[in-house]
Amino acid sequence: MPVHRIRTGDDTFRAAVDAMTHATLRPEFEWREIPAPSKMAPSTWACTGEILIHDEELASGRLVILHDPAGQDAWDGTYRMVALVQAQLEPEFAIESMLGDVAWSWVTESLELHGADSRELGCTATRVVSQSYGALAERPSTVDVEMRVSWTPEHEAVSEGDGQGRGPDLAPHFAAWTAMLAAAGGLPPAPPRIAPIAPTHHARAPRPEEAGDAR
């Protein structure tokens, strides 16, 4: 049973997703498809992904791609990218008042790096600091960051002949999301390279509490 939800006859969305998943990405990134939400748009696709270095998870998240041929006012378009990025940062970030600005720069610079032109870009960054006391006082403090990002891909193309929209090139936007994960995980920027990406079973599916509404 397929995990994606593509409306019958929505060949434009299917083709856009197929092309995206045959693009090239940095080798530290691994991903797999997960069941897509059913009420956000007529056609949806979703995956989880993570950045791994020597089997150590540096960052993880989720990407949902929405398509409504009729468009939605809040999107200002017919496609919408909805991303989640999560990472555990160094303890010194517990007192970093500019963490929100840093997280926002990860978003904007990742989109720019991969030429992923967008509009209606929004991001919410949440920092959670955990400190232990009493019998657990020796445990080090931890700082977790969660970024919820959404944007509308620019340059939705129209095919010749039948006038049917064939959708935007989603590959740069997929790559931008992986760059956000890499940045949150502490890795330097890197352009797409090496080999075609392929789904794996190493990516962690989101926990129930990670689920949230998308704009």
Foldseek 3Di string as FASTA:
>chain_A
DDQWQAAPPPVLVVVLVVLQLQFFADPQKAKAWHRADPPPENTKTKMKMFGDDPNDTLKIKMKMKHAHPVDDPLAVDGIKIKMKIKGKDDPVCVPVPCVVVVLVCLLVVLLVVLVQDWPSKDKDKDKDWDADDDPCNPDDIIIMIMMIIMTHTPDQDFDPDPRHTSGDNCNSVVNSNVSSNCVSSPHDDDYGDDGRHDHDPSGDDDDPVPDDDDD
